[in-house]
N, C-alpha and C. Protein backbone atom coordinates (compact mmCIF):
# COMPACT_ATOMS: atom_id res chain seq x y z
N UNK A 1 6.39 -174.04 -117.43
CA UNK A 1 7.58 -173.85 -118.11
C UNK A 1 8.16 -172.59 -117.06
N UNK A 2 7.62 -171.73 -117.02
CA UNK A 2 8.00 -170.47 -116.64
C UNK A 2 8.36 -170.58 -115.11
N UNK A 3 7.73 -171.65 -114.52
CA UNK A 3 8.58 -171.79 -113.16
C UNK A 3 9.75 -172.53 -113.24
N UNK A 4 10.37 -172.86 -114.39
CA UNK A 4 11.75 -173.49 -114.10
C UNK A 4 12.76 -172.47 -114.79
N UNK A 5 12.36 -171.29 -115.08
CA UNK A 5 13.29 -170.12 -115.18
C UNK A 5 13.69 -169.55 -114.20
N UNK A 6 14.75 -169.76 -113.93
CA UNK A 6 15.59 -168.76 -112.55
C UNK A 6 15.44 -167.28 -112.77
N UNK A 7 16.10 -167.17 -113.93
CA UNK A 7 15.98 -165.52 -113.80
C UNK A 7 15.12 -164.56 -114.55
N UNK A 8 14.08 -164.64 -114.00
CA UNK A 8 12.69 -163.94 -114.28
C UNK A 8 12.75 -162.69 -114.55
N UNK A 9 13.63 -161.97 -114.00
CA UNK A 9 14.00 -160.71 -114.41
C UNK A 9 14.46 -160.34 -116.02
N UNK A 10 15.34 -161.33 -116.07
CA UNK A 10 15.62 -161.44 -117.36
C UNK A 10 14.84 -161.81 -118.89
N UNK A 11 14.38 -162.81 -118.01
CA UNK A 11 12.69 -163.14 -118.92
C UNK A 11 11.59 -162.44 -119.26
N UNK A 12 11.62 -161.22 -118.50
CA UNK A 12 10.82 -160.70 -118.76
C UNK A 12 11.10 -159.25 -119.66
N UNK A 13 12.46 -159.14 -120.04
CA UNK A 13 13.24 -158.05 -120.81
C UNK A 13 13.58 -158.76 -122.03
N UNK A 14 12.86 -159.64 -122.84
CA UNK A 14 13.17 -160.14 -123.87
C UNK A 14 12.59 -159.78 -125.09
N UNK A 15 11.67 -158.75 -124.59
CA UNK A 15 10.98 -157.88 -125.68
C UNK A 15 12.16 -157.08 -126.58
N UNK A 16 13.56 -157.23 -125.54
CA UNK A 16 13.93 -155.84 -125.84
C UNK A 16 15.29 -156.88 -127.50
N UNK A 17 14.89 -157.81 -127.90
CA UNK A 17 15.63 -158.61 -128.73
C UNK A 17 14.54 -158.17 -130.16
N UNK A 18 15.16 -157.28 -130.93
CA UNK A 18 14.80 -157.06 -132.11
C UNK A 18 14.87 -157.94 -133.43
N UNK A 19 15.79 -158.86 -133.52
CA UNK A 19 16.25 -159.36 -134.53
C UNK A 19 16.51 -161.28 -134.45
N UNK A 20 16.26 -161.83 -135.41
CA UNK A 20 16.96 -162.87 -135.15
C UNK A 20 18.20 -163.28 -135.18
N UNK A 21 18.97 -162.26 -135.40
CA UNK A 21 20.38 -162.34 -135.62
C UNK A 21 20.78 -162.84 -133.84
N UNK A 22 20.26 -162.53 -133.05
CA UNK A 22 20.90 -163.20 -131.50
C UNK A 22 20.03 -164.38 -131.15
N UNK A 23 19.08 -165.04 -131.76
CA UNK A 23 18.46 -166.50 -131.40
C UNK A 23 19.64 -167.64 -132.54
N UNK A 24 19.87 -166.80 -133.62
CA UNK A 24 21.20 -167.53 -134.25
C UNK A 24 22.16 -167.85 -133.30
N UNK A 25 22.91 -166.77 -132.97
CA UNK A 25 24.05 -166.72 -131.97
C UNK A 25 23.66 -167.88 -130.93
N UNK A 26 22.73 -167.90 -130.41
CA UNK A 26 22.07 -169.08 -129.28
C UNK A 26 22.46 -170.20 -129.85
N UNK A 27 21.77 -170.25 -130.96
CA UNK A 27 21.94 -171.64 -132.03
C UNK A 27 23.21 -172.54 -131.92
N UNK A 28 23.96 -171.33 -132.35
CA UNK A 28 25.28 -171.69 -132.96
C UNK A 28 26.01 -172.04 -131.70
N UNK A 29 25.80 -171.72 -130.29
CA UNK A 29 26.48 -171.44 -129.20
C UNK A 29 26.41 -172.77 -128.74
N UNK A 30 24.60 -173.26 -128.72
CA UNK A 30 24.19 -174.08 -128.26
C UNK A 30 24.71 -175.60 -128.97
N UNK A 31 25.03 -175.48 -130.20
CA UNK A 31 25.46 -176.52 -131.12
C UNK A 31 23.97 -177.15 -132.29
N UNK A 32 23.00 -176.21 -132.21
CA UNK A 32 21.87 -176.65 -132.60
C UNK A 32 22.32 -176.45 -134.17
N UNK A 33 21.21 -177.24 -134.85
CA UNK A 33 21.56 -176.95 -136.43
C UNK A 33 20.39 -175.84 -136.95
N UNK A 34 20.56 -174.72 -137.83
CA UNK A 34 20.12 -173.88 -138.66
C UNK A 34 19.84 -174.03 -139.83
N UNK A 35 18.59 -174.05 -139.92
CA UNK A 35 18.45 -174.52 -141.30
C UNK A 35 17.53 -173.34 -141.82
N UNK A 36 17.71 -172.88 -143.34
CA UNK A 36 17.46 -171.95 -144.28
C UNK A 36 16.70 -172.39 -145.18
N UNK A 37 15.38 -171.38 -145.75
CA UNK A 37 14.75 -171.66 -146.61
C UNK A 37 13.28 -172.23 -146.59
N UNK A 38 12.66 -172.76 -147.50
CA UNK A 38 11.29 -173.25 -147.41
C UNK A 38 10.55 -172.04 -146.97
N UNK A 39 9.22 -172.33 -146.36
CA UNK A 39 8.11 -171.66 -146.14
C UNK A 39 8.88 -170.63 -145.20
N UNK A 40 9.39 -170.93 -144.11
CA UNK A 40 10.05 -169.79 -143.29
C UNK A 40 11.67 -169.76 -143.26
N UNK A 41 11.89 -168.20 -142.73
CA UNK A 41 13.16 -167.80 -143.33
C UNK A 41 14.67 -168.91 -142.40
N UNK A 42 13.89 -169.06 -141.08
CA UNK A 42 15.18 -169.85 -140.46
C UNK A 42 14.70 -170.51 -139.58
N UNK A 43 14.95 -171.93 -139.55
CA UNK A 43 14.55 -173.38 -138.29
C UNK A 43 15.46 -173.45 -137.52
N UNK A 44 15.43 -173.78 -136.41
CA UNK A 44 16.26 -174.07 -135.36
C UNK A 44 15.87 -175.79 -135.42
N UNK A 45 16.84 -176.09 -135.68
CA UNK A 45 16.69 -178.20 -135.23
C UNK A 45 17.53 -178.76 -134.45
N UNK A 46 17.30 -179.77 -133.98
CA UNK A 46 17.77 -180.69 -133.20
C UNK A 46 19.10 -181.00 -133.97
N UNK A 47 20.35 -181.45 -133.26
CA UNK A 47 21.32 -181.89 -134.48
C UNK A 47 21.54 -183.17 -134.22
N UNK A 48 20.68 -183.75 -133.59
CA UNK A 48 20.60 -185.59 -133.87
C UNK A 48 19.72 -186.28 -134.39
N UNK A 49 19.15 -185.24 -135.31
CA UNK A 49 17.75 -185.66 -136.25
C UNK A 49 18.25 -185.23 -137.50
N UNK A 50 18.57 -185.69 -138.50
CA UNK A 50 18.92 -184.85 -139.69
C UNK A 50 17.81 -184.78 -140.58
N UNK A 51 16.86 -185.19 -140.26
CA UNK A 51 15.52 -185.39 -141.48
C UNK A 51 14.79 -183.69 -141.21
N UNK A 52 15.01 -183.01 -142.31
CA UNK A 52 14.47 -181.89 -141.91
C UNK A 52 12.96 -181.25 -142.53
N UNK A 53 12.47 -182.52 -142.97
CA UNK A 53 10.87 -182.53 -143.35
C UNK A 53 9.96 -183.07 -141.86
N UNK A 54 10.58 -183.36 -140.70
CA UNK A 54 10.19 -183.96 -139.56
C UNK A 54 9.87 -182.65 -138.56
N UNK A 55 8.85 -182.90 -138.31
CA UNK A 55 8.38 -181.93 -136.91
C UNK A 55 9.32 -182.21 -135.67
N UNK A 56 9.35 -183.78 -135.68
CA UNK A 56 10.18 -184.27 -134.40
C UNK A 56 11.90 -183.33 -134.48
N UNK A 57 12.04 -182.91 -135.60
CA UNK A 57 13.41 -182.12 -135.21
C UNK A 57 13.26 -180.74 -135.25
N UNK A 58 11.91 -180.46 -135.67
CA UNK A 58 12.08 -179.02 -134.81
C UNK A 58 12.15 -178.37 -133.36
N UNK A 59 12.98 -177.13 -133.13
CA UNK A 59 12.88 -176.71 -132.08
C UNK A 59 12.35 -175.46 -132.13
N UNK A 60 12.42 -174.08 -132.72
CA UNK A 60 11.70 -173.31 -133.02
C UNK A 60 11.85 -172.57 -134.49
N UNK A 61 11.25 -171.96 -134.65
CA UNK A 61 10.83 -170.82 -135.83
C UNK A 61 11.20 -169.82 -135.71
N UNK A 62 12.29 -169.01 -136.69
CA UNK A 62 12.28 -167.52 -136.07
C UNK A 62 12.06 -166.88 -136.88
N UNK A 63 11.49 -165.72 -136.61
CA UNK A 63 10.63 -164.60 -137.65
C UNK A 63 11.96 -163.45 -137.56
N UNK A 64 11.43 -162.89 -138.54
CA UNK A 64 12.56 -161.36 -138.88
C UNK A 64 12.15 -160.39 -137.62
N UNK A 65 11.56 -160.03 -137.02
CA UNK A 65 11.22 -158.73 -136.22
C UNK A 65 10.50 -159.49 -134.98
N UNK A 66 10.92 -160.25 -134.41
CA UNK A 66 10.22 -161.03 -133.24
C UNK A 66 9.72 -160.47 -132.43
N UNK A 67 8.50 -160.11 -131.54
CA UNK A 67 8.04 -159.07 -130.28
C UNK A 67 8.50 -160.06 -129.19
N UNK A 68 7.90 -159.56 -128.19
CA UNK A 68 8.03 -160.25 -126.81
C UNK A 68 7.87 -161.88 -126.37
N UNK A 69 6.29 -162.04 -126.80
CA UNK A 69 5.91 -163.34 -126.58
C UNK A 69 6.51 -163.82 -127.50
N UNK A 70 7.08 -163.83 -128.99
CA UNK A 70 7.62 -165.06 -129.85
C UNK A 70 8.97 -165.51 -129.16
N UNK A 71 9.62 -163.91 -128.63
CA UNK A 71 10.87 -164.33 -128.07
C UNK A 71 11.07 -165.31 -126.74
N UNK A 72 10.10 -164.88 -126.09
CA UNK A 72 9.67 -166.05 -124.95
C UNK A 72 9.25 -167.26 -125.01
N UNK A 73 8.73 -167.61 -126.22
CA UNK A 73 8.32 -168.61 -126.78
C UNK A 73 9.55 -169.58 -127.19
N UNK A 74 10.65 -169.00 -127.97
CA UNK A 74 11.74 -169.30 -128.88
C UNK A 74 12.38 -169.58 -127.36
N UNK A 75 12.75 -169.08 -126.50
CA UNK A 75 13.65 -169.15 -125.31
C UNK A 75 12.96 -170.52 -124.46
N UNK A 76 11.66 -170.49 -124.24
CA UNK A 76 11.15 -171.62 -123.97
C UNK A 76 11.79 -172.90 -124.64
N UNK A 77 11.25 -172.99 -125.96
CA UNK A 77 11.70 -174.41 -126.72
C UNK A 77 12.98 -174.62 -126.58
N UNK A 78 13.88 -173.70 -126.87
CA UNK A 78 15.68 -173.77 -126.14
C UNK A 78 15.81 -174.32 -125.14
N UNK A 79 15.08 -174.05 -124.10
CA UNK A 79 15.59 -174.81 -123.05
C UNK A 79 14.70 -175.52 -122.52
N UNK A 80 13.66 -176.32 -123.09
CA UNK A 80 13.09 -177.37 -122.96
C UNK A 80 14.07 -178.25 -123.66
N UNK A 81 14.63 -177.94 -124.66
CA UNK A 81 15.39 -179.01 -125.44
C UNK A 81 16.72 -179.63 -124.72
N UNK A 82 16.80 -178.56 -123.87
CA UNK A 82 18.29 -178.98 -122.95
C UNK A 82 19.08 -178.12 -123.08
N UNK A 83 19.24 -176.79 -123.50
CA UNK A 83 20.34 -176.10 -123.48
C UNK A 83 20.44 -174.95 -122.08
N UNK A 84 21.39 -174.99 -121.52
CA UNK A 84 21.40 -174.78 -119.87
C UNK A 84 21.08 -172.75 -120.25
N UNK A 85 20.01 -172.79 -118.94
CA UNK A 85 19.57 -171.14 -119.28
C UNK A 85 20.44 -170.18 -119.61
N UNK A 86 21.85 -170.10 -118.28
CA UNK A 86 22.98 -169.43 -118.19
C UNK A 86 23.35 -169.13 -120.13
N UNK A 87 23.63 -170.43 -120.68
CA UNK A 87 24.08 -170.29 -121.45
C UNK A 87 23.04 -169.55 -122.91
N UNK A 88 21.77 -169.48 -122.89
CA UNK A 88 21.18 -168.51 -123.68
C UNK A 88 21.23 -167.16 -122.91
N UNK A 89 21.12 -166.75 -122.05
CA UNK A 89 21.73 -165.51 -121.17
C UNK A 89 22.55 -165.01 -122.03
N UNK A 90 23.96 -166.27 -121.68
CA UNK A 90 24.82 -165.21 -122.06
C UNK A 90 25.12 -164.93 -123.65
N UNK A 91 24.60 -166.17 -124.88
CA UNK A 91 24.40 -166.14 -125.75
C UNK A 91 23.66 -164.63 -126.34
N UNK A 92 22.89 -164.09 -125.87
CA UNK A 92 21.82 -163.17 -125.88
C UNK A 92 22.42 -161.63 -125.31
N UNK A 93 23.62 -161.86 -124.74
CA UNK A 93 24.07 -160.88 -124.36
C UNK A 93 23.62 -160.37 -122.94
N UNK A 94 22.82 -160.71 -122.13
CA UNK A 94 22.04 -160.36 -121.26
C UNK A 94 22.35 -160.70 -119.98
N UNK A 95 23.87 -161.53 -120.12
CA UNK A 95 24.06 -161.98 -118.76
C UNK A 95 25.95 -161.82 -119.17
């Protein structure tokens, strides 16, 4: 997956994201579903799959204080879902 990332210089700076608010903005701009409640505070899901109990609709789970590795994982999951890389970077305010 890392080979598919064009802007590797920005990818290395994902550790600067310290709150889930940035990822919520990405999800909102990309048209993804944001689900609240349950065991995890916020979950990003596939808007085309309304079943919130199924793992098939799961894209990413957001945590309160994400670190670099978590941010990279979330980035890869959203990218793998089909959101364009530059859309993610712009929503994160890094491009």
